[in-house]
């Protein structure tokens, strides 16, 4: 997998490159929006991590120019966390939004999650203890017994597991499971989470409520 990291701060690029390299990603770097556009048009990347406030060309303009020529997923990276800034990013097709300061491990997890969703990384079978998610068959089972879920419950579970141990806001869940153009509110998420927990039995306890944020699927391997 090849990732382009765009940020005008060398130290930030260096940290991201180091963590992505540990996960066997090939990493290119760009120090401003103009350089990012040139590299993105000259090369094929599986994902681009793009800062917003940069010299020569800001991240929003760079994303728009690249998207005119290439269909590549983006993660916006910025110290600006206002809702308006996020809406701009989502409006131009950004896949995720990470606010500085950030956890490099969480950023890598988000990169993997997006690549799985876009099909660049395809994991057919996901196992969490006795819980088995078969993406090819679109089925869920616990100890070999199939669990019947609605399509949205299945997508919600798959998104939780793909982002396990990461706190996910209700906005993120609505955007990534229901779609950016979905007209709904927090009650939509809460209702589906409640039903999903019930259907998963003891595994429903892995879906934790994160006060003031949303939810996360909390699971640690025994050898972690």
N, C-alpha and C. Protein backbone atom coordinates (compact mmCIF):
# COMPACT_ATOMS: atom_id res chain seq x y z
N UNK A 1 0.83 -1.19 0.00
CA UNK A 1 0.00 0.00 0.00
C UNK A 1 0.87 1.25 0.00
N UNK A 2 0.51 2.21 -0.81
CA UNK A 2 1.32 3.43 -0.95
C UNK A 2 0.51 4.64 -0.48
N UNK A 3 1.08 5.40 0.47
CA UNK A 3 0.40 6.54 1.08
C UNK A 3 1.22 7.82 0.89
N UNK A 4 0.53 8.90 0.57
CA UNK A 4 1.17 10.22 0.47
C UNK A 4 0.81 11.02 1.71
N UNK A 5 1.83 11.50 2.43
CA UNK A 5 1.63 12.30 3.64
C UNK A 5 1.98 13.75 3.32
N UNK A 6 1.01 14.64 3.50
CA UNK A 6 1.18 16.04 3.14
C UNK A 6 1.04 16.93 4.38
N UNK A 7 2.11 17.59 4.76
CA UNK A 7 2.10 18.50 5.91
C UNK A 7 3.32 19.39 5.82
N UNK A 8 3.17 20.68 6.17
CA UNK A 8 4.31 21.58 6.07
C UNK A 8 5.26 21.47 7.26
N UNK A 9 4.89 20.66 8.26
CA UNK A 9 5.78 20.45 9.41
C UNK A 9 6.50 19.11 9.24
N UNK A 10 7.84 19.18 9.16
CA UNK A 10 8.64 17.98 8.92
C UNK A 10 8.44 16.94 10.02
N UNK A 11 8.41 17.39 11.29
CA UNK A 11 8.31 16.45 12.40
C UNK A 11 7.03 15.63 12.34
N UNK A 12 5.93 16.27 11.93
CA UNK A 12 4.66 15.55 11.81
C UNK A 12 4.75 14.52 10.69
N UNK A 13 5.31 14.92 9.56
CA UNK A 13 5.47 13.97 8.45
C UNK A 13 6.35 12.79 8.87
N UNK A 14 7.41 13.10 9.60
CA UNK A 14 8.36 12.07 10.01
C UNK A 14 7.71 11.05 10.94
N UNK A 15 6.90 11.53 11.89
CA UNK A 15 6.23 10.62 12.83
C UNK A 15 5.25 9.72 12.08
N UNK A 16 4.44 10.33 11.20
CA UNK A 16 3.46 9.54 10.44
C UNK A 16 4.17 8.52 9.57
N UNK A 17 5.23 8.95 8.90
CA UNK A 17 5.98 8.03 8.04
C UNK A 17 6.53 6.85 8.83
N UNK A 18 7.06 7.12 10.02
CA UNK A 18 7.64 6.07 10.85
C UNK A 18 6.59 5.03 11.24
N UNK A 19 5.43 5.50 11.68
CA UNK A 19 4.39 4.57 12.12
C UNK A 19 3.79 3.79 10.95
N UNK A 20 3.61 4.46 9.81
CA UNK A 20 3.08 3.75 8.64
C UNK A 20 4.09 2.74 8.11
N UNK A 21 5.36 3.08 8.16
CA UNK A 21 6.41 2.18 7.69
C UNK A 21 6.47 0.92 8.54
N UNK A 22 6.22 1.06 9.84
CA UNK A 22 6.20 -0.10 10.73
C UNK A 22 5.10 -1.08 10.36
N UNK A 23 4.04 -0.56 9.70
CA UNK A 23 2.94 -1.40 9.25
C UNK A 23 3.10 -1.78 7.78
N UNK A 24 4.32 -1.57 7.26
CA UNK A 24 4.70 -1.99 5.90
C UNK A 24 4.02 -1.19 4.79
N UNK A 25 3.68 0.06 5.09
CA UNK A 25 3.19 0.96 4.05
C UNK A 25 4.38 1.65 3.39
N UNK A 26 4.27 1.89 2.10
CA UNK A 26 5.26 2.71 1.40
C UNK A 26 4.79 4.15 1.49
N UNK A 27 5.68 5.06 1.92
CA UNK A 27 5.25 6.43 2.21
C UNK A 27 6.04 7.45 1.38
N UNK A 28 5.29 8.33 0.71
CA UNK A 28 5.86 9.51 0.06
C UNK A 28 5.45 10.73 0.87
N UNK A 29 6.20 11.82 0.73
CA UNK A 29 5.90 13.03 1.49
C UNK A 29 5.83 14.25 0.59
N UNK A 30 5.04 15.23 1.03
CA UNK A 30 4.96 16.53 0.35
C UNK A 30 4.83 17.60 1.43
N UNK A 31 5.49 18.75 1.22
CA UNK A 31 5.54 19.80 2.24
C UNK A 31 4.53 20.92 2.02
N UNK A 32 3.81 20.90 0.90
CA UNK A 32 2.79 21.92 0.65
C UNK A 32 1.78 21.37 -0.34
N UNK A 33 0.67 22.10 -0.50
CA UNK A 33 -0.41 21.64 -1.36
C UNK A 33 -0.03 21.51 -2.82
N UNK A 34 0.81 22.42 -3.28
CA UNK A 34 1.22 22.39 -4.69
C UNK A 34 2.05 21.14 -4.98
N UNK A 35 2.98 20.84 -4.09
CA UNK A 35 3.80 19.63 -4.26
C UNK A 35 2.93 18.38 -4.17
N UNK A 36 1.91 18.43 -3.30
CA UNK A 36 1.01 17.29 -3.15
C UNK A 36 0.26 17.00 -4.44
N UNK A 37 -0.26 18.05 -5.08
CA UNK A 37 -0.99 17.88 -6.33
C UNK A 37 -0.08 17.27 -7.39
N UNK A 38 1.13 17.81 -7.52
CA UNK A 38 2.07 17.30 -8.53
C UNK A 38 2.39 15.82 -8.31
N UNK A 39 2.66 15.45 -7.05
CA UNK A 39 3.00 14.05 -6.76
C UNK A 39 1.80 13.14 -6.97
N UNK A 40 0.61 13.61 -6.57
CA UNK A 40 -0.58 12.78 -6.70
C UNK A 40 -0.94 12.52 -8.16
N UNK A 41 -0.67 13.50 -9.02
CA UNK A 41 -0.99 13.33 -10.44
C UNK A 41 0.07 12.50 -11.16
N UNK A 42 1.27 12.46 -10.60
CA UNK A 42 2.36 11.70 -11.22
C UNK A 42 2.42 10.24 -10.73
N UNK A 43 1.81 9.98 -9.57
CA UNK A 43 1.89 8.66 -8.97
C UNK A 43 0.50 8.16 -8.59
N UNK A 44 0.41 6.87 -8.34
CA UNK A 44 -0.84 6.27 -7.88
C UNK A 44 -0.71 5.95 -6.40
N UNK A 45 -1.57 6.56 -5.57
CA UNK A 45 -1.55 6.33 -4.13
C UNK A 45 -2.85 5.64 -3.71
N UNK A 46 -2.73 4.78 -2.69
CA UNK A 46 -3.91 4.12 -2.16
C UNK A 46 -4.67 5.03 -1.20
N UNK A 47 -3.96 6.01 -0.62
CA UNK A 47 -4.59 6.96 0.31
C UNK A 47 -3.69 8.17 0.47
N UNK A 48 -4.30 9.33 0.73
CA UNK A 48 -3.53 10.56 0.96
C UNK A 48 -3.95 11.17 2.29
N UNK A 49 -2.96 11.46 3.14
CA UNK A 49 -3.19 12.18 4.40
C UNK A 49 -2.84 13.64 4.14
N UNK A 50 -3.81 14.53 4.26
CA UNK A 50 -3.65 15.91 3.82
C UNK A 50 -3.89 16.93 4.94
N UNK A 51 -2.88 17.75 5.24
CA UNK A 51 -3.05 18.86 6.17
C UNK A 51 -3.87 19.95 5.47
N UNK A 52 -4.47 20.85 6.25
CA UNK A 52 -5.27 21.92 5.65
C UNK A 52 -4.47 23.20 5.45
N UNK A 53 -3.94 23.74 6.54
CA UNK A 53 -3.24 25.02 6.47
C UNK A 53 -1.79 24.81 6.04
N UNK A 54 -1.51 25.11 4.76
CA UNK A 54 -0.17 24.93 4.20
C UNK A 54 0.16 26.06 3.24
N UNK A 55 1.45 26.30 2.99
CA UNK A 55 1.83 27.34 2.02
C UNK A 55 1.54 26.92 0.58
N UNK A 56 1.51 27.91 -0.29
CA UNK A 56 1.32 27.75 -1.73
C UNK A 56 -0.10 27.32 -2.11
N UNK A 57 -0.62 26.29 -1.45
CA UNK A 57 -1.97 25.82 -1.76
C UNK A 57 -2.50 25.09 -0.53
N UNK A 58 -3.68 25.47 -0.04
CA UNK A 58 -4.18 24.79 1.17
C UNK A 58 -4.72 23.40 0.82
N UNK A 59 -4.99 22.63 1.87
CA UNK A 59 -5.41 21.25 1.69
C UNK A 59 -6.71 21.09 0.93
N UNK A 60 -7.66 21.98 1.17
CA UNK A 60 -8.95 21.89 0.48
C UNK A 60 -8.78 22.02 -1.04
N UNK A 61 -8.00 23.03 -1.44
CA UNK A 61 -7.77 23.24 -2.88
C UNK A 61 -7.02 22.07 -3.49
N UNK A 62 -6.05 21.54 -2.74
CA UNK A 62 -5.27 20.41 -3.24
C UNK A 62 -6.17 19.18 -3.44
N UNK A 63 -7.05 18.92 -2.47
CA UNK A 63 -7.96 17.77 -2.58
C UNK A 63 -8.85 17.92 -3.81
N UNK A 64 -9.40 19.11 -4.01
CA UNK A 64 -10.28 19.34 -5.16
C UNK A 64 -9.57 19.07 -6.48
N UNK A 65 -8.33 19.58 -6.59
CA UNK A 65 -7.57 19.40 -7.84
C UNK A 65 -7.23 17.93 -8.07
N UNK A 66 -6.85 17.24 -7.02
CA UNK A 66 -6.50 15.82 -7.17
C UNK A 66 -7.73 15.01 -7.52
N UNK A 67 -8.85 15.32 -6.88
CA UNK A 67 -10.09 14.56 -7.10
C UNK A 67 -10.62 14.73 -8.54
N UNK A 68 -10.24 15.80 -9.20
CA UNK A 68 -10.66 15.98 -10.59
C UNK A 68 -10.01 14.95 -11.51
N UNK A 69 -8.86 14.43 -11.07
CA UNK A 69 -8.10 13.50 -11.91
C UNK A 69 -7.99 12.10 -11.33
N UNK A 70 -8.00 12.00 -10.00
CA UNK A 70 -7.77 10.71 -9.36
C UNK A 70 -8.86 10.40 -8.33
N UNK A 71 -9.26 9.13 -8.27
CA UNK A 71 -10.21 8.68 -7.27
C UNK A 71 -9.43 8.02 -6.14
N UNK A 72 -9.05 8.80 -5.15
CA UNK A 72 -8.23 8.31 -4.05
C UNK A 72 -8.83 8.78 -2.73
N UNK A 73 -8.86 7.93 -1.70
CA UNK A 73 -9.40 8.36 -0.40
C UNK A 73 -8.47 9.33 0.32
N UNK A 74 -9.08 10.22 1.11
CA UNK A 74 -8.32 11.24 1.84
C UNK A 74 -8.65 11.21 3.33
N UNK A 75 -7.63 11.48 4.15
CA UNK A 75 -7.82 11.81 5.55
C UNK A 75 -7.30 13.23 5.73
N UNK A 76 -8.17 14.13 6.19
CA UNK A 76 -7.74 15.51 6.45
C UNK A 76 -7.13 15.58 7.85
N UNK A 77 -6.02 16.30 7.94
CA UNK A 77 -5.27 16.40 9.19
C UNK A 77 -5.09 17.87 9.51
N UNK A 78 -5.66 18.32 10.65
CA UNK A 78 -5.60 19.75 10.92
C UNK A 78 -5.76 20.06 12.40
N UNK A 79 -5.21 21.21 12.80
CA UNK A 79 -5.38 21.70 14.17
C UNK A 79 -6.74 22.35 14.33
N UNK A 80 -7.43 22.57 13.23
CA UNK A 80 -8.74 23.20 13.27
C UNK A 80 -9.80 22.13 13.41
N UNK A 81 -10.57 22.19 14.49
CA UNK A 81 -11.55 21.15 14.75
C UNK A 81 -12.99 21.62 14.70
N UNK A 82 -13.23 22.84 14.17
CA UNK A 82 -14.58 23.35 14.14
C UNK A 82 -15.45 22.54 13.18
N UNK A 83 -16.74 22.46 13.49
CA UNK A 83 -17.67 21.70 12.67
C UNK A 83 -17.68 22.20 11.23
N UNK A 84 -17.58 23.52 11.04
CA UNK A 84 -17.63 24.10 9.70
C UNK A 84 -16.49 23.55 8.83
N UNK A 85 -15.28 23.45 9.43
CA UNK A 85 -14.14 22.94 8.68
C UNK A 85 -14.35 21.49 8.28
N UNK A 86 -14.93 20.71 9.19
CA UNK A 86 -15.19 19.30 8.88
C UNK A 86 -16.22 19.17 7.76
N UNK A 87 -17.25 20.00 7.81
CA UNK A 87 -18.29 19.94 6.79
C UNK A 87 -17.74 20.26 5.42
N UNK A 88 -16.80 21.23 5.36
CA UNK A 88 -16.16 21.55 4.09
C UNK A 88 -15.43 20.33 3.56
N UNK A 89 -14.67 19.67 4.45
CA UNK A 89 -13.92 18.49 4.05
C UNK A 89 -14.82 17.38 3.56
N UNK A 90 -15.89 17.10 4.30
CA UNK A 90 -16.81 16.04 3.90
C UNK A 90 -17.51 16.40 2.59
N UNK A 91 -17.78 17.68 2.39
CA UNK A 91 -18.48 18.14 1.19
C UNK A 91 -17.66 17.90 -0.07
N UNK A 92 -16.33 17.98 0.06
CA UNK A 92 -15.48 17.77 -1.12
C UNK A 92 -15.03 16.31 -1.24
N UNK A 93 -15.59 15.46 -0.37
CA UNK A 93 -15.34 14.04 -0.52
C UNK A 93 -14.27 13.44 0.36
N UNK A 94 -13.87 14.15 1.43
CA UNK A 94 -12.87 13.61 2.34
C UNK A 94 -13.48 12.42 3.10
N UNK A 95 -12.68 11.38 3.32
CA UNK A 95 -13.19 10.16 3.94
C UNK A 95 -13.15 10.20 5.46
N UNK A 96 -12.20 10.94 6.03
CA UNK A 96 -12.11 11.04 7.48
C UNK A 96 -11.39 12.33 7.84
N UNK A 97 -11.51 12.73 9.10
CA UNK A 97 -10.97 14.00 9.57
C UNK A 97 -10.34 13.77 10.93
N UNK A 98 -9.03 14.03 11.06
CA UNK A 98 -8.31 13.83 12.31
C UNK A 98 -7.76 15.17 12.78
N UNK A 99 -8.04 15.51 14.03
CA UNK A 99 -7.62 16.80 14.58
C UNK A 99 -6.33 16.67 15.38
N UNK A 100 -5.41 17.59 15.14
CA UNK A 100 -4.17 17.63 15.92
C UNK A 100 -4.45 18.18 17.32
N UNK A 101 -3.72 17.75 18.35
CA UNK A 101 -2.74 16.65 18.33
C UNK A 101 -3.46 15.31 18.23
N UNK A 102 -2.81 14.34 17.61
CA UNK A 102 -3.45 13.05 17.38
C UNK A 102 -2.52 11.92 17.80
N UNK A 103 -3.12 10.76 17.97
CA UNK A 103 -2.36 9.55 18.27
C UNK A 103 -1.92 8.92 16.96
N UNK A 104 -0.61 8.74 16.73
CA UNK A 104 -0.16 8.11 15.49
C UNK A 104 -0.75 6.72 15.28
N UNK A 105 -0.90 5.97 16.37
CA UNK A 105 -1.49 4.63 16.26
C UNK A 105 -2.94 4.70 15.79
N UNK A 106 -3.67 5.69 16.32
CA UNK A 106 -5.06 5.85 15.89
C UNK A 106 -5.13 6.24 14.42
N UNK A 107 -4.22 7.11 14.00
CA UNK A 107 -4.20 7.53 12.60
C UNK A 107 -3.95 6.32 11.69
N UNK A 108 -3.00 5.47 12.07
CA UNK A 108 -2.73 4.26 11.29
C UNK A 108 -3.96 3.37 11.24
N UNK A 109 -4.66 3.24 12.37
CA UNK A 109 -5.87 2.42 12.42
C UNK A 109 -6.93 2.98 11.47
N UNK A 110 -7.04 4.30 11.42
CA UNK A 110 -8.01 4.93 10.52
C UNK A 110 -7.63 4.70 9.05
N UNK A 111 -6.34 4.76 8.77
CA UNK A 111 -5.86 4.48 7.41
C UNK A 111 -6.28 3.06 7.00
N UNK A 112 -6.02 2.10 7.88
CA UNK A 112 -6.37 0.71 7.58
C UNK A 112 -7.88 0.54 7.39
N UNK A 113 -8.65 1.20 8.25
CA UNK A 113 -10.11 1.08 8.18
C UNK A 113 -10.64 1.61 6.85
N UNK A 114 -10.12 2.74 6.41
CA UNK A 114 -10.57 3.31 5.13
C UNK A 114 -10.17 2.41 3.97
N UNK A 115 -8.96 1.88 4.00
CA UNK A 115 -8.50 1.01 2.91
C UNK A 115 -9.31 -0.29 2.87
N UNK A 116 -9.75 -0.76 4.02
CA UNK A 116 -10.62 -1.95 4.03
C UNK A 116 -11.97 -1.62 3.41
N UNK A 117 -12.51 -0.45 3.77
CA UNK A 117 -13.82 -0.06 3.23
C UNK A 117 -13.78 0.15 1.73
N UNK A 118 -12.67 0.69 1.24
CA UNK A 118 -12.57 0.98 -0.20
C UNK A 118 -12.13 -0.24 -0.99
N UNK A 119 -11.80 -1.33 -0.27
CA UNK A 119 -11.44 -2.57 -0.96
C UNK A 119 -9.97 -2.71 -1.25
N UNK A 120 -9.15 -1.73 -0.88
CA UNK A 120 -7.71 -1.85 -1.10
C UNK A 120 -7.12 -2.92 -0.19
N UNK A 121 -7.65 -2.98 1.02
CA UNK A 121 -7.30 -4.06 1.94
C UNK A 121 -8.60 -4.81 2.22
N UNK A 122 -8.65 -6.04 1.83
CA UNK A 122 -9.87 -6.81 2.03
C UNK A 122 -9.61 -7.94 3.01
N UNK A 123 -10.31 -7.90 4.11
CA UNK A 123 -10.20 -8.94 5.13
C UNK A 123 -11.52 -9.69 5.14
N UNK A 124 -11.52 -10.92 4.59
CA UNK A 124 -12.76 -11.65 4.42
C UNK A 124 -13.33 -12.15 5.74
N UNK A 125 -12.45 -12.64 6.62
CA UNK A 125 -12.90 -13.19 7.90
C UNK A 125 -12.28 -12.39 9.04
N UNK A 126 -13.13 -11.86 9.91
CA UNK A 126 -12.67 -11.14 11.10
C UNK A 126 -13.12 -11.92 12.33
N UNK A 127 -12.17 -12.24 13.21
CA UNK A 127 -12.51 -13.02 14.42
C UNK A 127 -12.19 -12.21 15.67
N UNK A 128 -13.19 -12.11 16.52
CA UNK A 128 -13.04 -11.48 17.84
C UNK A 128 -13.48 -12.53 18.85
N UNK A 129 -12.53 -13.32 19.35
CA UNK A 129 -12.90 -14.43 20.22
C UNK A 129 -13.75 -15.41 19.44
N UNK A 130 -14.95 -15.72 19.94
CA UNK A 130 -15.87 -16.63 19.25
C UNK A 130 -16.79 -15.90 18.28
N UNK A 131 -16.63 -14.60 18.19
CA UNK A 131 -17.42 -13.81 17.24
C UNK A 131 -16.72 -13.80 15.88
N UNK A 132 -17.42 -14.24 14.85
CA UNK A 132 -16.83 -14.32 13.51
C UNK A 132 -17.67 -13.50 12.54
N UNK A 133 -17.00 -12.57 11.85
CA UNK A 133 -17.65 -11.76 10.82
C UNK A 133 -17.10 -12.20 9.47
N UNK A 134 -17.97 -12.71 8.63
CA UNK A 134 -17.57 -13.18 7.30
C UNK A 134 -18.03 -12.14 6.28
N UNK A 135 -17.10 -11.31 5.82
CA UNK A 135 -17.45 -10.23 4.90
C UNK A 135 -17.87 -10.75 3.53
N UNK A 136 -17.32 -11.88 3.13
CA UNK A 136 -17.68 -12.44 1.83
C UNK A 136 -19.12 -12.94 1.83
N UNK A 137 -19.48 -13.64 2.92
CA UNK A 137 -20.85 -14.16 3.04
C UNK A 137 -21.81 -13.15 3.65
N UNK A 138 -21.24 -12.05 4.16
CA UNK A 138 -22.03 -11.01 4.82
C UNK A 138 -22.83 -11.61 5.98
N UNK A 139 -22.11 -12.39 6.81
CA UNK A 139 -22.79 -13.06 7.91
C UNK A 139 -21.98 -12.92 9.20
N UNK A 140 -22.67 -13.11 10.33
CA UNK A 140 -22.06 -13.01 11.66
C UNK A 140 -22.47 -14.25 12.45
N UNK A 141 -21.50 -14.83 13.16
CA UNK A 141 -21.81 -15.99 13.99
C UNK A 141 -21.06 -15.92 15.31
N UNK A 142 -21.61 -16.55 16.32
CA UNK A 142 -20.97 -16.66 17.63
C UNK A 142 -20.98 -18.14 18.01
N UNK A 143 -19.78 -18.70 18.20
CA UNK A 143 -19.61 -20.12 18.50
C UNK A 143 -20.32 -20.99 17.45
N UNK A 144 -20.23 -20.56 16.19
CA UNK A 144 -20.78 -21.32 15.08
C UNK A 144 -22.25 -21.10 14.83
N UNK A 145 -22.94 -20.36 15.71
CA UNK A 145 -24.36 -20.10 15.53
C UNK A 145 -24.55 -18.75 14.86
N UNK A 146 -25.27 -18.74 13.72
CA UNK A 146 -25.46 -17.49 12.98
C UNK A 146 -26.33 -16.51 13.76
N UNK A 147 -25.91 -15.24 13.75
CA UNK A 147 -26.65 -14.16 14.39
C UNK A 147 -27.31 -13.33 13.28
N UNK A 148 -28.59 -13.17 13.35
CA UNK A 148 -29.32 -12.43 12.32
C UNK A 148 -29.27 -10.94 12.63
N UNK A 149 -28.68 -10.19 11.72
CA UNK A 149 -28.60 -8.73 11.85
C UNK A 149 -29.20 -8.07 10.62
N UNK A 150 -29.73 -6.88 10.80
CA UNK A 150 -30.18 -6.09 9.65
C UNK A 150 -28.94 -5.60 8.90
N UNK A 151 -29.07 -5.20 7.63
CA UNK A 151 -27.92 -4.69 6.90
C UNK A 151 -27.20 -3.54 7.62
N UNK A 152 -27.95 -2.61 8.22
CA UNK A 152 -27.33 -1.49 8.92
C UNK A 152 -26.62 -1.96 10.18
N UNK A 153 -27.20 -2.92 10.89
CA UNK A 153 -26.55 -3.45 12.08
C UNK A 153 -25.24 -4.13 11.70
N UNK A 154 -25.27 -4.86 10.59
CA UNK A 154 -24.05 -5.52 10.12
C UNK A 154 -22.98 -4.50 9.77
N UNK A 155 -23.36 -3.48 9.02
CA UNK A 155 -22.40 -2.44 8.64
C UNK A 155 -21.85 -1.71 9.86
N UNK A 156 -22.72 -1.47 10.83
CA UNK A 156 -22.29 -0.80 12.05
C UNK A 156 -21.29 -1.66 12.81
N UNK A 157 -21.58 -2.96 12.93
CA UNK A 157 -20.66 -3.87 13.62
C UNK A 157 -19.32 -3.93 12.89
N UNK A 158 -19.36 -4.05 11.57
CA UNK A 158 -18.13 -4.14 10.80
C UNK A 158 -17.28 -2.88 10.97
N UNK A 159 -17.95 -1.72 11.02
CA UNK A 159 -17.22 -0.47 11.19
C UNK A 159 -16.62 -0.38 12.59
N UNK A 160 -17.38 -0.80 13.59
CA UNK A 160 -16.86 -0.83 14.96
C UNK A 160 -15.62 -1.71 15.05
N UNK A 161 -15.71 -2.91 14.52
CA UNK A 161 -14.61 -3.87 14.62
C UNK A 161 -13.39 -3.41 13.82
N UNK A 162 -13.62 -2.81 12.66
CA UNK A 162 -12.51 -2.29 11.86
C UNK A 162 -11.79 -1.16 12.56
N UNK A 163 -12.50 -0.49 13.47
CA UNK A 163 -11.91 0.62 14.23
C UNK A 163 -11.86 0.30 15.72
N UNK A 164 -11.62 -0.97 16.05
CA UNK A 164 -11.67 -1.38 17.45
C UNK A 164 -10.68 -0.59 18.30
N UNK A 165 -11.13 -0.29 19.52
CA UNK A 165 -10.36 0.48 20.52
C UNK A 165 -10.20 1.96 20.15
N UNK A 166 -10.97 2.43 19.18
CA UNK A 166 -10.96 3.84 18.80
C UNK A 166 -12.31 4.44 19.13
N UNK A 167 -12.31 5.56 19.86
CA UNK A 167 -13.56 6.24 20.18
C UNK A 167 -14.12 6.88 18.90
N UNK A 168 -15.36 6.55 18.57
CA UNK A 168 -15.99 7.04 17.35
C UNK A 168 -17.17 7.94 17.72
N UNK A 169 -17.17 9.14 17.15
CA UNK A 169 -18.27 10.06 17.43
C UNK A 169 -19.52 9.62 16.67
N UNK A 170 -20.66 10.10 17.11
CA UNK A 170 -21.91 9.78 16.40
C UNK A 170 -21.87 10.35 14.99
N UNK A 171 -21.22 11.49 14.83
CA UNK A 171 -21.08 12.09 13.50
C UNK A 171 -20.31 11.16 12.57
N UNK A 172 -19.22 10.57 13.07
CA UNK A 172 -18.44 9.64 12.26
C UNK A 172 -19.26 8.41 11.89
N UNK A 173 -20.02 7.90 12.85
CA UNK A 173 -20.83 6.72 12.58
C UNK A 173 -21.91 7.00 11.54
N UNK A 174 -22.58 8.15 11.67
CA UNK A 174 -23.59 8.52 10.69
C UNK A 174 -22.98 8.67 9.30
N UNK A 175 -21.82 9.34 9.26
CA UNK A 175 -21.17 9.62 7.97
C UNK A 175 -20.68 8.35 7.28
N UNK A 176 -20.07 7.45 8.05
CA UNK A 176 -19.42 6.29 7.45
C UNK A 176 -20.32 5.07 7.31
N UNK A 177 -21.37 4.97 8.10
CA UNK A 177 -22.27 3.82 8.01
C UNK A 177 -23.54 4.17 7.24
N UNK A 178 -24.08 5.36 7.50
CA UNK A 178 -25.31 5.77 6.82
C UNK A 178 -25.04 6.61 5.58
N UNK A 179 -23.91 7.32 5.55
CA UNK A 179 -23.59 8.18 4.41
C UNK A 179 -23.75 9.63 4.76
N UNK A 180 -22.93 10.48 4.13
CA UNK A 180 -22.90 11.90 4.45
C UNK A 180 -24.23 12.61 4.16
N UNK A 181 -24.98 12.08 3.21
CA UNK A 181 -26.23 12.75 2.83
C UNK A 181 -27.42 12.22 3.62
N UNK A 182 -27.18 11.34 4.61
CA UNK A 182 -28.28 10.79 5.39
C UNK A 182 -28.84 11.86 6.33
N UNK A 183 -30.16 11.94 6.37
CA UNK A 183 -30.80 12.91 7.26
C UNK A 183 -31.26 12.17 8.51
N UNK A 184 -30.52 12.35 9.58
CA UNK A 184 -30.87 11.67 10.82
C UNK A 184 -30.21 12.37 11.99
N UNK A 185 -30.37 11.79 13.19
CA UNK A 185 -29.77 12.41 14.36
C UNK A 185 -29.19 11.34 15.26
N UNK A 186 -28.74 11.77 16.46
CA UNK A 186 -28.08 10.85 17.39
C UNK A 186 -28.96 9.67 17.78
N UNK A 187 -30.27 9.86 17.77
CA UNK A 187 -31.16 8.78 18.17
C UNK A 187 -31.08 7.60 17.21
N UNK A 188 -30.79 7.89 15.95
CA UNK A 188 -30.62 6.82 14.96
C UNK A 188 -29.49 5.90 15.38
N UNK A 189 -28.35 6.49 15.75
CA UNK A 189 -27.19 5.72 16.20
C UNK A 189 -27.53 4.95 17.47
N UNK A 190 -28.05 5.66 18.47
CA UNK A 190 -28.31 5.05 19.77
C UNK A 190 -29.27 3.86 19.67
N UNK A 191 -30.29 4.00 18.83
CA UNK A 191 -31.27 2.92 18.66
C UNK A 191 -30.62 1.69 18.04
N UNK A 192 -29.81 1.90 17.01
CA UNK A 192 -29.15 0.77 16.34
C UNK A 192 -28.11 0.12 17.24
N UNK A 193 -27.39 0.92 18.01
CA UNK A 193 -26.40 0.36 18.94
C UNK A 193 -27.09 -0.49 19.99
N UNK A 194 -28.20 0.00 20.51
CA UNK A 194 -28.95 -0.74 21.53
C UNK A 194 -29.38 -2.11 20.99
N UNK A 195 -29.92 -2.12 19.77
CA UNK A 195 -30.38 -3.36 19.17
C UNK A 195 -29.21 -4.29 18.85
N UNK A 196 -28.11 -3.70 18.34
CA UNK A 196 -26.93 -4.50 18.02
C UNK A 196 -26.36 -5.16 19.27
N UNK A 197 -26.28 -4.40 20.36
CA UNK A 197 -25.80 -4.97 21.62
C UNK A 197 -26.65 -6.18 22.04
N UNK A 198 -27.96 -6.02 21.94
CA UNK A 198 -28.87 -7.09 22.34
C UNK A 198 -28.66 -8.33 21.48
N UNK A 199 -28.52 -8.14 20.16
CA UNK A 199 -28.35 -9.27 19.25
C UNK A 199 -27.03 -9.99 19.44
N UNK A 200 -26.00 -9.27 19.90
CA UNK A 200 -24.68 -9.87 20.06
C UNK A 200 -24.50 -10.57 21.40
N UNK A 201 -25.47 -10.48 22.28
CA UNK A 201 -25.36 -11.14 23.58
C UNK A 201 -24.19 -10.61 24.38
N UNK A 202 -23.33 -11.52 24.88
CA UNK A 202 -22.20 -11.08 25.70
C UNK A 202 -21.22 -10.20 24.92
N UNK A 203 -21.18 -10.38 23.59
CA UNK A 203 -20.29 -9.56 22.79
C UNK A 203 -20.81 -8.13 22.62
N UNK A 204 -22.07 -7.93 22.95
CA UNK A 204 -22.61 -6.57 22.94
C UNK A 204 -21.95 -5.70 23.98
N UNK A 205 -21.40 -6.33 25.04
CA UNK A 205 -20.72 -5.56 26.10
C UNK A 205 -19.41 -4.95 25.62
N UNK A 206 -18.90 -5.43 24.48
CA UNK A 206 -17.66 -4.86 23.94
C UNK A 206 -17.89 -3.47 23.35
N UNK A 207 -19.15 -3.15 23.03
CA UNK A 207 -19.48 -1.82 22.50
C UNK A 207 -19.68 -0.89 23.70
N UNK A 208 -18.69 -0.08 23.97
CA UNK A 208 -18.71 0.80 25.13
C UNK A 208 -19.21 2.19 24.76
N UNK A 209 -19.96 2.80 25.68
CA UNK A 209 -20.36 4.18 25.51
C UNK A 209 -19.23 5.08 25.99
N UNK A 210 -18.81 6.01 25.16
CA UNK A 210 -17.76 6.96 25.52
C UNK A 210 -18.46 8.29 25.79
N UNK A 211 -18.56 8.64 27.05
CA UNK A 211 -19.32 9.82 27.45
C UNK A 211 -18.81 11.08 26.76
N UNK A 212 -19.73 11.83 26.17
CA UNK A 212 -19.38 13.08 25.51
C UNK A 212 -18.82 12.90 24.11
N UNK A 213 -18.65 11.64 23.67
CA UNK A 213 -18.08 11.39 22.33
C UNK A 213 -19.03 10.52 21.50
N UNK A 214 -19.17 9.27 21.90
CA UNK A 214 -19.99 8.35 21.13
C UNK A 214 -19.80 6.93 21.64
N UNK A 215 -19.18 6.08 20.81
CA UNK A 215 -19.00 4.67 21.18
C UNK A 215 -17.63 4.18 20.70
N UNK A 216 -17.22 3.04 21.26
CA UNK A 216 -16.06 2.33 20.73
C UNK A 216 -16.21 0.84 21.01
N UNK A 217 -15.64 0.04 20.12
CA UNK A 217 -15.61 -1.40 20.30
C UNK A 217 -14.29 -1.72 20.99
N UNK A 218 -14.38 -2.06 22.26
CA UNK A 218 -13.17 -2.24 23.07
C UNK A 218 -12.83 -3.72 23.17
N UNK A 219 -11.68 -4.07 22.59
CA UNK A 219 -11.25 -5.47 22.62
C UNK A 219 -9.73 -5.54 22.56
N UNK A 220 -9.14 -6.29 23.44
CA UNK A 220 -7.70 -6.50 23.48
C UNK A 220 -7.39 -7.99 23.29
N UNK A 221 -6.45 -8.27 22.38
CA UNK A 221 -6.02 -9.66 22.24
C UNK A 221 -5.34 -10.10 23.53
N UNK A 222 -5.40 -11.38 23.82
CA UNK A 222 -4.84 -11.91 25.05
C UNK A 222 -3.35 -11.69 25.16
N UNK A 223 -2.66 -11.62 24.00
CA UNK A 223 -1.21 -11.44 24.03
C UNK A 223 -0.79 -9.99 23.88
N UNK A 224 -1.78 -9.02 23.91
CA UNK A 224 -1.45 -7.60 23.81
C UNK A 224 -0.80 -7.11 25.10
